Amino acid sequence: MKNTQPTQPGKERRKLSAAAAPRAGADSADVLLLTAQRLFAEKGIDAVSMREVAREAGQRNNSALHYHFGSKEALIQAILQGGMREINELRNDYIDQLYNDGRHGELRGLVEAIVWPLASKLMTSRGNTYNRFLAAAQVHPEIDLAGLTREEEDRGFRRIHELLQRALPDMSELLLRQRYLAAVSFVMFSLADYERISTRRSKHQRAFDLQRAIENLIDMVSGAIAAPISAQVQARLAAHDEPAPPSPPPARKPATAKRAPG
């Protein structure tokens, strides 16, 4: 596949509403979501109040924010689910294209399907804060990204895992799952860093080859997932697979002699 960004087969690339900049006449809920996403990405989750989001979104007070979302937790969930819904669509489109191109068994193609749907937020000129928002949410001790992602928004993620199992049949399921989850986290934080670099350099009119960085990220993640398994890890896997020794039967209490009457 020579496409550098995920596209729906036969259709134009989807417009990413969660990454689009607020526009005149846009729905107030969308403007609030985009403003909150940017502030959370730039300052961190705990450093931003509902009042600040409302003020930055041009609201006189935060009543509109509470009307649409009710709480800060619901606001965070709405940002996450809106973005993940679009990423899931892009990811499933990418996987379908891998099947069409006969690359669904190719490790690098599967890693592309992990990276490019997230990177598409960064490659558009209409806002570039979603990956930094994800990174801020990932490190927050009270936010469970997996728990907040609905099952229908996770289908592409599960499809890639199943295809990785077929592509790497000799790797244990336990080890592959650990590598897959670590790879996704690495991609998330790497793209967040690319967002910061790209934003900073653009302010000083300095070039940053974003596509090269993303392609190199795909190379690195492909190598990490398929890395040789060390003797140390093999030993730990063998210990994990060994059946536990049977527990000894509970010791019997000695019988106590009954006292004779009288």
Protein backbone atom coordinates (compact mmCIF):
# COMPACT_ATOMS: atom_id res chain seq x y z
CA MET A 1 0.00 0.00 0.00
CA LYS A 2 1.42 3.35 -0.99
CA ASN A 3 -1.13 5.51 0.77
CA THR A 4 0.47 7.45 3.58
CA GLN A 5 -2.80 8.02 5.39
CA PRO A 6 -5.77 5.70 5.87
CA THR A 7 -8.51 6.30 3.32
CA GLN A 8 -11.86 4.68 2.87
CA PRO A 9 -11.73 2.59 -0.31
CA GLY A 10 -13.35 4.49 -3.19
CA LYS A 11 -14.15 7.56 -1.09
CA GLU A 12 -12.45 10.76 -0.06
CA ARG A 13 -10.65 10.81 3.24
CA ARG A 14 -13.05 11.38 6.10
CA LYS A 15 -13.12 14.80 7.66
CA LEU A 16 -12.13 14.50 11.29
CA SER A 17 -14.69 16.61 13.14
CA ALA A 18 -13.06 15.99 16.52
CA ALA A 19 -9.85 17.50 15.18
CA ALA A 20 -11.40 20.33 13.21
CA ALA A 21 -10.95 23.88 14.38
CA PRO A 22 -14.03 25.70 15.74
CA ARG A 23 -15.79 27.67 13.03
CA ALA A 24 -18.36 30.43 13.00
CA GLY A 25 -21.85 29.05 13.57
CA ALA A 26 -20.57 25.70 14.82
CA ASP A 27 -22.68 23.96 17.41
CA SER A 28 -21.76 25.13 20.90
CA ALA A 29 -21.22 21.56 22.10
CA ASP A 30 -18.65 20.96 19.34
CA VAL A 31 -16.85 24.20 20.16
CA LEU A 32 -16.76 23.25 23.84
CA LEU A 33 -15.39 19.78 23.01
CA LEU A 34 -12.64 21.15 20.79
CA THR A 35 -11.72 23.84 23.29
CA ALA A 36 -11.59 21.37 26.17
CA GLN A 37 -9.50 18.94 24.10
CA ARG A 38 -6.96 21.65 23.32
CA LEU A 39 -6.73 22.87 26.92
CA PHE A 40 -6.43 19.35 28.36
CA ALA A 41 -3.72 18.57 25.79
CA GLU A 42 -1.74 21.72 26.46
CA LYS A 43 -2.10 22.02 30.24
CA GLY A 44 -3.06 18.59 31.55
CA ILE A 45 -6.37 17.24 32.82
CA ASP A 46 -6.24 18.51 36.39
CA ALA A 47 -4.93 21.97 35.47
CA VAL A 48 -8.07 22.88 33.50
CA SER A 49 -11.39 23.80 35.12
CA MET A 50 -14.85 23.75 33.56
CA ARG A 51 -14.97 27.52 33.98
CA GLU A 52 -11.77 27.94 31.95
CA VAL A 53 -13.14 25.75 29.17
CA ALA A 54 -16.32 27.83 29.01
CA ARG A 55 -14.37 31.09 28.99
CA GLU A 56 -11.97 29.94 26.26
CA ALA A 57 -14.93 28.72 24.19
CA GLY A 58 -16.48 32.19 24.32
CA GLN A 59 -19.24 31.31 26.80
CA ARG A 60 -20.17 33.94 29.37
CA ASN A 61 -20.53 31.27 32.04
CA ASN A 62 -20.21 27.52 32.31
CA SER A 63 -23.94 26.79 32.26
CA ALA A 64 -23.72 25.66 28.60
CA LEU A 65 -20.91 23.26 29.51
CA HIS A 66 -22.95 21.72 32.33
CA TYR A 67 -26.02 21.62 30.11
CA HIS A 68 -24.26 19.62 27.38
CA PHE A 69 -22.02 17.40 29.51
CA GLY A 70 -22.97 17.68 33.17
CA SER A 71 -19.50 17.12 34.59
CA LYS A 72 -15.82 17.23 33.77
CA GLU A 73 -15.73 13.43 33.70
CA ALA A 74 -18.54 13.33 31.11
CA LEU A 75 -16.74 15.98 29.06
CA ILE A 76 -13.55 13.89 28.99
CA GLN A 77 -15.55 10.81 28.04
CA ALA A 78 -17.24 12.68 25.18
CA ILE A 79 -13.89 13.84 23.77
CA LEU A 80 -12.44 10.35 24.02
CA GLN A 81 -15.40 8.53 22.50
CA GLY A 82 -15.86 11.03 19.68
CA GLY A 83 -12.23 10.68 18.64
CA MET A 84 -12.15 6.92 19.08
CA ARG A 85 -15.27 6.50 16.98
CA GLU A 86 -13.57 8.25 14.05
CA ILE A 87 -10.28 6.41 14.61
CA ASN A 88 -12.12 3.08 14.68
CA GLU A 89 -13.77 3.87 11.33
CA LEU A 90 -10.44 4.82 9.80
CA ARG A 91 -8.76 1.74 11.26
CA ASN A 92 -11.40 -0.64 9.92
CA ASP A 93 -11.14 1.05 6.50
CA TYR A 94 -7.37 0.55 6.62
CA ILE A 95 -7.74 -3.12 7.55
CA ASP A 96 -10.25 -3.65 4.74
CA GLN A 97 -7.74 -2.09 2.33
CA LEU A 98 -5.02 -4.42 3.64
CA TYR A 99 -7.27 -7.35 2.71
CA ASN A 100 -7.87 -5.85 -0.74
CA ASP A 101 -4.10 -5.46 -1.25
CA GLY A 102 -3.30 -8.92 0.14
CA ARG A 103 -1.29 -7.41 3.01
CA HIS A 104 -3.48 -8.48 5.96
CA GLY A 105 -0.85 -11.07 6.94
CA GLU A 106 2.04 -8.61 6.76
CA LEU A 107 3.32 -7.33 10.10
CA ARG A 108 4.24 -3.86 8.88
CA GLY A 109 0.83 -3.42 7.29
CA LEU A 110 -0.86 -4.27 10.58
CA VAL A 111 1.34 -1.78 12.40
CA GLU A 112 0.40 0.83 9.81
CA ALA A 113 -3.23 0.16 10.75
CA ILE A 114 -2.33 0.92 14.37
CA VAL A 115 -0.43 4.12 13.61
CA TRP A 116 -2.01 5.91 10.65
CA PRO A 117 -5.57 6.27 12.01
CA LEU A 118 -4.11 8.08 15.04
CA ALA A 119 -1.58 9.97 12.95
CA SER A 120 -4.30 11.24 10.61
CA LYS A 121 -5.35 13.62 13.39
CA LEU A 122 -1.86 15.02 13.34
CA MET A 123 -1.47 15.16 9.56
CA THR A 124 -4.49 17.43 9.07
CA SER A 125 -4.04 21.17 9.41
CA ARG A 126 -7.31 21.48 11.36
CA GLY A 127 -6.06 21.11 14.89
CA ASN A 128 -3.42 18.79 16.24
CA THR A 129 -4.12 18.16 19.92
CA TYR A 130 -5.94 14.82 20.06
CA ASN A 131 -2.87 12.66 20.61
CA ARG A 132 -1.65 14.94 23.37
CA PHE A 133 -5.10 14.72 24.94
CA LEU A 134 -4.89 10.91 24.79
CA ALA A 135 -1.43 10.97 26.38
CA ALA A 136 -2.65 13.27 29.17
CA ALA A 137 -5.62 10.99 29.81
CA GLN A 138 -3.45 7.85 29.69
CA VAL A 139 -1.18 9.00 32.53
CA HIS A 140 -4.03 10.32 34.69
CA PRO A 141 -4.50 7.97 37.66
CA GLU A 142 -8.30 8.21 37.65
CA ILE A 143 -8.99 7.84 33.92
CA ASP A 144 -9.43 4.37 32.45
CA LEU A 145 -9.15 4.74 28.68
CA ALA A 146 -10.07 1.12 28.02
CA GLY A 147 -13.06 1.35 30.35
CA LEU A 148 -14.35 4.50 28.67
CA THR A 149 -14.03 3.09 25.15
CA ARG A 150 -17.24 1.41 24.05
CA GLU A 151 -17.14 -1.99 22.38
CA GLU A 152 -18.28 -0.69 19.00
CA GLU A 153 -15.41 1.83 19.08
CA ASP A 154 -12.88 -0.93 19.70
CA ARG A 155 -13.57 -3.27 16.78
CA GLY A 156 -10.57 -2.24 14.69
CA PHE A 157 -8.28 -2.63 17.69
CA ARG A 158 -9.53 -6.20 18.22
CA ARG A 159 -9.26 -7.06 14.51
CA ILE A 160 -5.58 -6.08 14.46
CA HIS A 161 -4.90 -8.25 17.49
CA GLU A 162 -6.52 -11.24 15.78
CA LEU A 163 -4.50 -10.65 12.61
CA LEU A 164 -1.29 -10.32 14.62
CA GLN A 165 -1.99 -13.74 16.14
CA ARG A 166 -2.15 -15.20 12.64
CA ALA A 167 0.94 -13.32 11.47
CA LEU A 168 2.98 -14.46 14.50
CA PRO A 169 1.60 -17.96 15.24
CA ASP A 170 4.68 -19.09 17.17
CA MET A 171 4.42 -16.32 19.77
CA SER A 172 2.50 -17.08 22.93
CA GLU A 173 -0.81 -15.26 23.35
CA LEU A 174 0.31 -13.80 26.68
CA LEU A 175 3.51 -12.36 25.23
CA LEU A 176 1.87 -11.06 22.06
CA ARG A 177 -0.83 -9.26 24.03
CA GLN A 178 1.77 -7.59 26.24
CA ARG A 179 3.74 -6.46 23.20
CA TYR A 180 0.62 -5.24 21.42
CA LEU A 181 -0.58 -3.12 24.35
CA ALA A 182 2.92 -1.73 24.91
CA ALA A 183 3.18 -0.90 21.20
CA VAL A 184 -0.12 1.00 21.26
CA SER A 185 1.03 3.04 24.27
CA PHE A 186 4.37 3.75 22.59
CA VAL A 187 2.58 4.93 19.45
CA MET A 188 0.25 7.16 21.46
CA PHE A 189 3.03 8.93 23.34
CA SER A 190 5.27 9.17 20.27
CA LEU A 191 2.54 10.86 18.25
CA ALA A 192 1.85 13.22 21.14
CA ASP A 193 5.52 14.15 21.09
CA TYR A 194 5.40 14.68 17.32
CA GLU A 195 2.45 17.02 17.85
CA ARG A 196 4.47 19.09 20.31
CA ILE A 197 7.51 19.20 18.02
CA SER A 198 5.46 20.08 14.95
CA THR A 199 3.58 22.86 16.76
CA ARG A 200 6.74 24.33 18.26
CA ARG A 201 8.68 24.29 15.00
CA SER A 202 5.84 25.74 12.98
CA LYS A 203 5.78 28.77 15.28
CA HIS A 204 9.43 29.42 14.38
CA GLN A 205 8.93 28.44 10.73
CA ARG A 206 11.24 25.46 11.10
CA ALA A 207 10.63 22.33 9.05
CA PHE A 208 9.74 18.97 10.60
CA ASP A 209 9.46 15.92 8.34
CA LEU A 210 6.41 14.47 10.03
CA GLN A 211 5.83 11.72 7.50
CA ARG A 212 9.40 10.45 7.88
CA ALA A 213 8.97 10.41 11.66
CA ILE A 214 5.73 8.43 11.39
CA GLU A 215 7.16 5.93 8.89
CA ASN A 216 10.16 5.44 11.18
CA LEU A 217 7.77 4.94 14.11
CA ILE A 218 6.05 2.18 12.12
CA ASP A 219 9.45 0.54 11.51
CA MET A 220 10.32 0.70 15.22
CA VAL A 221 7.01 -0.75 16.38
CA SER A 222 7.17 -3.54 13.80
CA GLY A 223 10.60 -4.49 15.07
CA ALA A 224 9.52 -4.34 18.71
CA ILE A 225 6.50 -6.62 18.22
CA ALA A 226 8.54 -9.22 16.32
CA ALA A 227 11.69 -8.92 18.45
CA PRO A 228 13.42 -12.20 19.38
CA ILE A 229 12.30 -13.66 22.68
CA SER A 230 15.13 -13.82 25.18
CA ALA A 231 16.06 -16.86 27.24
CA GLN A 232 14.96 -14.97 30.35
CA VAL A 233 11.46 -14.37 28.98
CA GLN A 234 11.25 -17.95 27.70
CA ALA A 235 12.03 -19.18 31.19
CA ARG A 236 9.33 -16.97 32.69
CA LEU A 237 6.84 -18.20 30.11
CA ALA A 238 7.70 -21.81 30.92
CA ALA A 239 7.24 -21.14 34.62
CA HIS A 240 3.89 -19.50 33.89
CA ASP A 241 2.72 -22.51 31.86
CA GLU A 242 3.77 -25.12 34.43
CA PRO A 243 0.83 -26.48 36.43
CA ALA A 244 0.86 -25.47 40.05
CA PRO A 245 1.79 -28.28 42.45
CA PRO A 246 -1.20 -29.82 44.17
CA SER A 247 -1.98 -28.36 47.55
CA PRO A 248 -1.40 -30.72 50.47
CA PRO A 249 -4.55 -31.98 52.16
CA PRO A 250 -5.48 -30.03 55.26
CA ALA A 251 -4.02 -31.48 58.44
CA ARG A 252 -6.50 -33.33 60.56
CA LYS A 253 -7.03 -32.14 64.07
CA PRO A 254 -6.22 -34.79 66.65
CA ALA A 255 -9.29 -36.34 68.16
CA THR A 256 -9.92 -35.20 71.70
CA ALA A 257 -10.88 -37.84 74.24
CA LYS A 258 -14.30 -37.44 75.66
CA ARG A 259 -14.48 -37.05 79.34
CA ALA A 260 -16.25 -39.89 81.08
CA PRO A 261 -19.36 -38.84 82.86
CA GLY A 262 -19.14 -38.45 86.57
